[in-house]
Amino acid sequence: MISCADDFALWYEITASNRDSIISIVNKDLESLVRWGEDNKTEFEPTKTYMMVVLRKQVPFDPTGIMMQGEPIEIVNEVKLVGYTIDPELTWGPMITALAKRARMRVGALYRMSSMLDSVNMKTMYIAFIRSVLEYGSVKYMGAAQSHLDKLDRIQH
């Protein structure tokens, strides 16, 4: 489970046997975070705080009981952290789809400028503006399904 409070992330491994104790620990950590914020003149907004359960098992995990300032934390299906879109099954599909869309738009822009650029400048523009998008975080999503990676390969070709 990933629990994010503003741009702060907490990561816990929860199993059926430690569920209650971990939920208690998460709540205490969130209380400590709020107290730290008060001491440092920073406010954390419970309505902007969310959590995601990362799970590859068929049996869903119930994170009920996790609270911040008396309000339950919202459960989301995707978390965006430092430019990475993480989905609950760690397939990297949503991230790769977004990267492919961004790269396709840049390929279109480069195509429209192609009549004004020589081959050296075309290559430079491609490396700077398209390949950099395709390669962002590539080590992270190397384990993604081939169907997702094919989206990036089509743009590369």
C-alpha atoms as a PDB file:
ATOM      1  CA  MET A   1       0.000   0.000   0.000  1.00  0.00           C
ATOM      2  CA  ILE A   2       1.217   3.488  -0.788  1.00  0.00           C
ATOM      3  CA  SER A   3      -0.168   6.320   1.281  1.00  0.00           C
ATOM      4  CA  CYS A   4       0.599   9.826   0.060  1.00  0.00           C
ATOM      5  CA  ALA A   5       0.200  12.996   2.073  1.00  0.00           C
ATOM      6  CA  ASP A   6       0.717  15.942  -0.273  1.00  0.00           C
ATOM      7  CA  ASP A   7       4.105  15.194  -1.867  1.00  0.00           C
ATOM      8  CA  PHE A   8       5.106  12.818   0.903  1.00  0.00           C
ATOM      9  CA  ALA A   9       4.824   9.052   0.457  1.00  0.00           C
ATOM     10  CA  LEU A  10       4.654   6.310   3.068  1.00  0.00           C
ATOM     11  CA  TRP A  11       5.064   2.658   2.056  1.00  0.00           C
ATOM     12  CA  TYR A  12       3.860  -0.258   4.167  1.00  0.00           C
ATOM     13  CA  GLU A  13       3.696  -3.983   3.520  1.00  0.00           C
ATOM     14  CA  ILE A  14       0.447  -5.291   4.910  1.00  0.00           C
ATOM     15  CA  THR A  15      -0.566  -8.935   5.179  1.00  0.00           C
ATOM     16  CA  ALA A  16      -3.659 -10.603   6.581  1.00  0.00           C
ATOM     17  CA  SER A  17      -1.777 -11.439   9.778  1.00  0.00           C
ATOM     18  CA  ASN A  18      -0.486  -7.912  10.478  1.00  0.00           C
ATOM     19  CA  ARG A  19      -3.390  -5.849   9.081  1.00  0.00           C
ATOM     20  CA  ASP A  20      -4.689  -4.381  12.353  1.00  0.00           C
ATOM     21  CA  SER A  21      -1.276  -3.526  13.758  1.00  0.00           C
ATOM     22  CA  ILE A  22      -0.127  -1.936  10.475  1.00  0.00           C
ATOM     23  CA  ILE A  23      -3.291   0.161  10.188  1.00  0.00           C
ATOM     24  CA  SER A  24      -2.634   1.370  13.744  1.00  0.00           C
ATOM     25  CA  ILE A  25       0.977   2.200  12.792  1.00  0.00           C
ATOM     26  CA  VAL A  26      -0.159   4.039   9.648  1.00  0.00           C
ATOM     27  CA  ASN A  27      -2.600   6.125  11.670  1.00  0.00           C
ATOM     28  CA  LYS A  28       0.113   6.967  14.227  1.00  0.00           C
ATOM     29  CA  ASP A  29       2.514   7.918  11.417  1.00  0.00           C
ATOM     30  CA  LEU A  30      -0.113  10.192   9.877  1.00  0.00           C
ATOM     31  CA  GLU A  31      -0.709  11.795  13.299  1.00  0.00           C
ATOM     32  CA  SER A  32       3.047  12.339  13.652  1.00  0.00           C
ATOM     33  CA  LEU A  33       3.117  13.889  10.184  1.00  0.00           C
ATOM     34  CA  VAL A  34       0.332  16.314  11.120  1.00  0.00           C
ATOM     35  CA  ARG A  35       2.117  17.230  14.385  1.00  0.00           C
ATOM     36  CA  TRP A  36       5.376  17.753  12.478  1.00  0.00           C
ATOM     37  CA  GLY A  37       3.504  20.022  10.094  1.00  0.00           C
ATOM     38  CA  GLU A  38       2.066  22.043  12.964  1.00  0.00           C
ATOM     39  CA  ASP A  39       5.556  22.429  14.501  1.00  0.00           C
ATOM     40  CA  ASN A  40       6.952  23.550  11.138  1.00  0.00           C
ATOM     41  CA  LYS A  41       4.042  25.775  10.118  1.00  0.00           C
ATOM     42  CA  THR A  42       2.891  23.390   7.392  1.00  0.00           C
ATOM     43  CA  GLU A  43      -0.634  22.091   6.918  1.00  0.00           C
ATOM     44  CA  PHE A  44      -1.532  18.746   5.390  1.00  0.00           C
ATOM     45  CA  GLU A  45      -4.941  18.559   3.782  1.00  0.00           C
ATOM     46  CA  PRO A  46      -6.727  15.244   4.513  1.00  0.00           C
ATOM     47  CA  THR A  47      -8.925  15.635   1.419  1.00  0.00           C
ATOM     48  CA  LYS A  48      -5.790  15.754  -0.748  1.00  0.00           C
ATOM     49  CA  THR A  49      -4.308  12.706   0.935  1.00  0.00           C
ATOM     50  CA  TYR A  50      -4.928   9.342  -0.688  1.00  0.00           C
ATOM     51  CA  MET A  51      -3.788   5.762  -0.641  1.00  0.00           C
ATOM     52  CA  MET A  52      -3.462   2.944  -3.097  1.00  0.00           C
ATOM     53  CA  VAL A  53      -3.358  -0.787  -2.464  1.00  0.00           C
ATOM     54  CA  VAL A  54      -0.757  -2.508  -4.658  1.00  0.00           C
ATOM     55  CA  LEU A  55      -1.816  -6.114  -4.964  1.00  0.00           C
ATOM     56  CA  ARG A  56      -1.490  -8.910  -7.505  1.00  0.00           C
ATOM     57  CA  LYS A  57      -3.710 -11.320  -5.604  1.00  0.00           C
ATOM     58  CA  GLN A  58      -7.344 -11.989  -6.443  1.00  0.00           C
ATOM     59  CA  VAL A  59      -8.495 -11.399  -2.855  1.00  0.00           C
ATOM     60  CA  PRO A  60      -8.853  -7.634  -2.334  1.00  0.00           C
ATOM     61  CA  PHE A  61      -7.312  -6.002   0.726  1.00  0.00           C
ATOM     62  CA  ASP A  62      -9.535  -3.856   2.908  1.00  0.00           C
ATOM     63  CA  PRO A  63      -7.664  -0.776   4.166  1.00  0.00           C
ATOM     64  CA  THR A  64     -10.684   0.547   6.086  1.00  0.00           C
ATOM     65  CA  GLY A  65      -9.708   2.402   9.218  1.00  0.00           C
ATOM     66  CA  ILE A  66      -6.856   4.542   7.926  1.00  0.00           C
ATOM     67  CA  MET A  67      -7.601   8.121   8.963  1.00  0.00           C
ATOM     68  CA  MET A  68      -5.958  11.531   8.878  1.00  0.00           C
ATOM     69  CA  GLN A  69      -7.226  14.249  11.190  1.00  0.00           C
ATOM     70  CA  GLY A  70     -10.376  12.194  11.778  1.00  0.00           C
ATOM     71  CA  GLU A  71     -11.185  11.808   8.077  1.00  0.00           C
ATOM     72  CA  PRO A  72     -10.898   8.542   6.147  1.00  0.00           C
ATOM     73  CA  ILE A  73      -8.208   8.478   3.464  1.00  0.00           C
ATOM     74  CA  GLU A  74      -9.479   8.135  -0.116  1.00  0.00           C
ATOM     75  CA  ILE A  75      -8.454   5.012  -2.031  1.00  0.00           C
ATOM     76  CA  VAL A  76      -7.309   5.650  -5.621  1.00  0.00           C
ATOM     77  CA  ASN A  77      -6.490   3.358  -8.555  1.00  0.00           C
ATOM     78  CA  GLU A  78      -3.432   5.292  -9.729  1.00  0.00           C
ATOM     79  CA  VAL A  79      -0.780   7.316  -7.964  1.00  0.00           C
ATOM     80  CA  LYS A  80       1.504   9.791  -9.677  1.00  0.00           C
ATOM     81  CA  LEU A  81       4.822  10.237  -7.882  1.00  0.00           C
ATOM     82  CA  VAL A  82       7.782  12.151  -9.317  1.00  0.00           C
ATOM     83  CA  GLY A  83       6.552  11.666 -12.877  1.00  0.00           C
ATOM     84  CA  TYR A  84       5.773   7.959 -12.484  1.00  0.00           C
ATOM     85  CA  THR A  85       2.196   6.751 -12.757  1.00  0.00           C
ATOM     86  CA  ILE A  86       1.844   3.675 -10.587  1.00  0.00           C
ATOM     87  CA  ASP A  87      -1.159   1.386 -11.003  1.00  0.00           C
ATOM     88  CA  PRO A  88      -2.315  -1.150  -8.374  1.00  0.00           C
ATOM     89  CA  GLU A  89      -1.025  -4.175 -10.298  1.00  0.00           C
ATOM     90  CA  LEU A  90       2.296  -2.572 -11.294  1.00  0.00           C
ATOM     91  CA  THR A  91       1.670  -3.146 -15.004  1.00  0.00           C
ATOM     92  CA  TRP A  92       2.985   0.335 -15.937  1.00  0.00           C
ATOM     93  CA  GLY A  93       0.227   0.503 -18.576  1.00  0.00           C
ATOM     94  CA  PRO A  94      -1.129   3.950 -17.630  1.00  0.00           C
ATOM     95  CA  MET A  95       2.365   5.436 -17.481  1.00  0.00           C
ATOM     96  CA  ILE A  96       3.402   3.997 -20.836  1.00  0.00           C
ATOM     97  CA  THR A  97       0.147   5.140 -22.451  1.00  0.00           C
ATOM     98  CA  ALA A  98       0.747   8.698 -21.205  1.00  0.00           C
ATOM     99  CA  LEU A  99       4.389   8.636 -22.362  1.00  0.00           C
ATOM    100  CA  ALA A 100       3.351   7.337 -25.791  1.00  0.00           C
ATOM    101  CA  LYS A 101       0.738  10.075 -26.149  1.00  0.00           C
ATOM    102  CA  ARG A 102       3.241  12.775 -25.191  1.00  0.00           C
ATOM    103  CA  ALA A 103       5.847  11.371 -27.589  1.00  0.00           C
ATOM    104  CA  ARG A 104       3.311  11.094 -30.472  1.00  0.00           C
ATOM    105  CA  MET A 105       2.419  14.761 -30.075  1.00  0.00           C
ATOM    106  CA  ARG A 106       6.091  15.677 -30.248  1.00  0.00           C
ATOM    107  CA  VAL A 107       6.633  13.481 -33.317  1.00  0.00           C
ATOM    108  CA  GLY A 108       3.782  15.375 -34.990  1.00  0.00           C
ATOM    109  CA  ALA A 109       5.386  18.700 -34.114  1.00  0.00           C
ATOM    110  CA  LEU A 110       8.747  17.517 -35.434  1.00  0.00           C
ATOM    111  CA  TYR A 111       7.090  16.328 -38.659  1.00  0.00           C
ATOM    112  CA  ARG A 112       5.534  19.769 -39.154  1.00  0.00           C
ATOM    113  CA  MET A 113       8.967  21.373 -38.714  1.00  0.00           C
ATOM    114  CA  SER A 114      10.799  18.856 -40.922  1.00  0.00           C
ATOM    115  CA  SER A 115      10.782  21.085 -44.015  1.00  0.00           C
ATOM    116  CA  MET A 116      12.762  23.717 -42.094  1.00  0.00           C
ATOM    117  CA  LEU A 117      15.395  21.371 -40.597  1.00  0.00           C
ATOM    118  CA  ASP A 118      18.304  19.468 -42.069  1.00  0.00           C
ATOM    119  CA  SER A 119      19.009  15.864 -41.045  1.00  0.00           C
ATOM    120  CA  VAL A 120      21.461  16.837 -38.278  1.00  0.00           C
ATOM    121  CA  ASN A 121      18.951  19.197 -36.666  1.00  0.00           C
ATOM    122  CA  MET A 122      16.152  16.633 -37.098  1.00  0.00           C
ATOM    123  CA  LYS A 123      18.221  14.062 -35.217  1.00  0.00           C
ATOM    124  CA  THR A 124      19.091  16.565 -32.494  1.00  0.00           C
ATOM    125  CA  MET A 125      15.442  17.553 -32.073  1.00  0.00           C
ATOM    126  CA  TYR A 126      14.387  13.895 -32.012  1.00  0.00           C
ATOM    127  CA  ILE A 127      16.941  13.009 -29.323  1.00  0.00           C
ATOM    128  CA  ALA A 128      16.160  16.065 -27.201  1.00  0.00           C
ATOM    129  CA  PHE A 129      12.387  16.137 -27.414  1.00  0.00           C
ATOM    130  CA  ILE A 130      11.136  12.655 -28.324  1.00  0.00           C
ATOM    131  CA  ARG A 131      13.650  10.056 -27.243  1.00  0.00           C
ATOM    132  CA  SER A 132      14.016  11.728 -23.856  1.00  0.00           C
ATOM    133  CA  VAL A 133      10.265  11.212 -23.294  1.00  0.00           C
ATOM    134  CA  LEU A 134      10.417   7.585 -24.438  1.00  0.00           C
ATOM    135  CA  GLU A 135      13.343   6.815 -22.158  1.00  0.00           C
ATOM    136  CA  TYR A 136      12.066   8.561 -19.017  1.00  0.00           C
ATOM    137  CA  GLY A 137      11.895   5.908 -16.314  1.00  0.00           C
ATOM    138  CA  SER A 138      12.562   3.132 -18.805  1.00  0.00           C
ATOM    139  CA  VAL A 139      14.412   1.006 -16.250  1.00  0.00           C
ATOM    140  CA  LYS A 140      11.319   1.020 -14.027  1.00  0.00           C
ATOM    141  CA  TYR A 141       8.915  -0.273 -16.654  1.00  0.00           C
ATOM    142  CA  MET A 142      11.208  -2.764 -18.368  1.00  0.00           C
ATOM    143  CA  GLY A 143       9.088  -5.521 -16.818  1.00  0.00           C
ATOM    144  CA  ALA A 144       5.886  -4.210 -18.386  1.00  0.00           C
ATOM    145  CA  ALA A 145       3.885  -6.386 -20.735  1.00  0.00           C
ATOM    146  CA  GLN A 146       5.099  -6.423 -24.323  1.00  0.00           C
ATOM    147  CA  SER A 147       1.758  -4.992 -25.469  1.00  0.00           C
ATOM    148  CA  HIS A 148       2.513  -1.844 -23.458  1.00  0.00           C
ATOM    149  CA  LEU A 149       6.113  -1.618 -24.641  1.00  0.00           C
ATOM    150  CA  ASP A 150       4.943  -2.015 -28.256  1.00  0.00           C
ATOM    151  CA  LYS A 151       3.289   1.405 -27.960  1.00  0.00           C
ATOM    152  CA  LEU A 152       6.690   2.980 -27.394  1.00  0.00           C
ATOM    153  CA  ASP A 153       8.344   0.852 -30.091  1.00  0.00           C
ATOM    154  CA  ARG A 154       5.818   2.070 -32.705  1.00  0.00           C
ATOM    155  CA  ILE A 155       6.771   5.663 -31.956  1.00  0.00           C
ATOM    156  CA  GLN A 156      10.469   4.814 -32.037  1.00  0.00           C
ATOM    157  CA  HIS A 157      10.119   3.342 -35.529  1.00  0.00           C
END
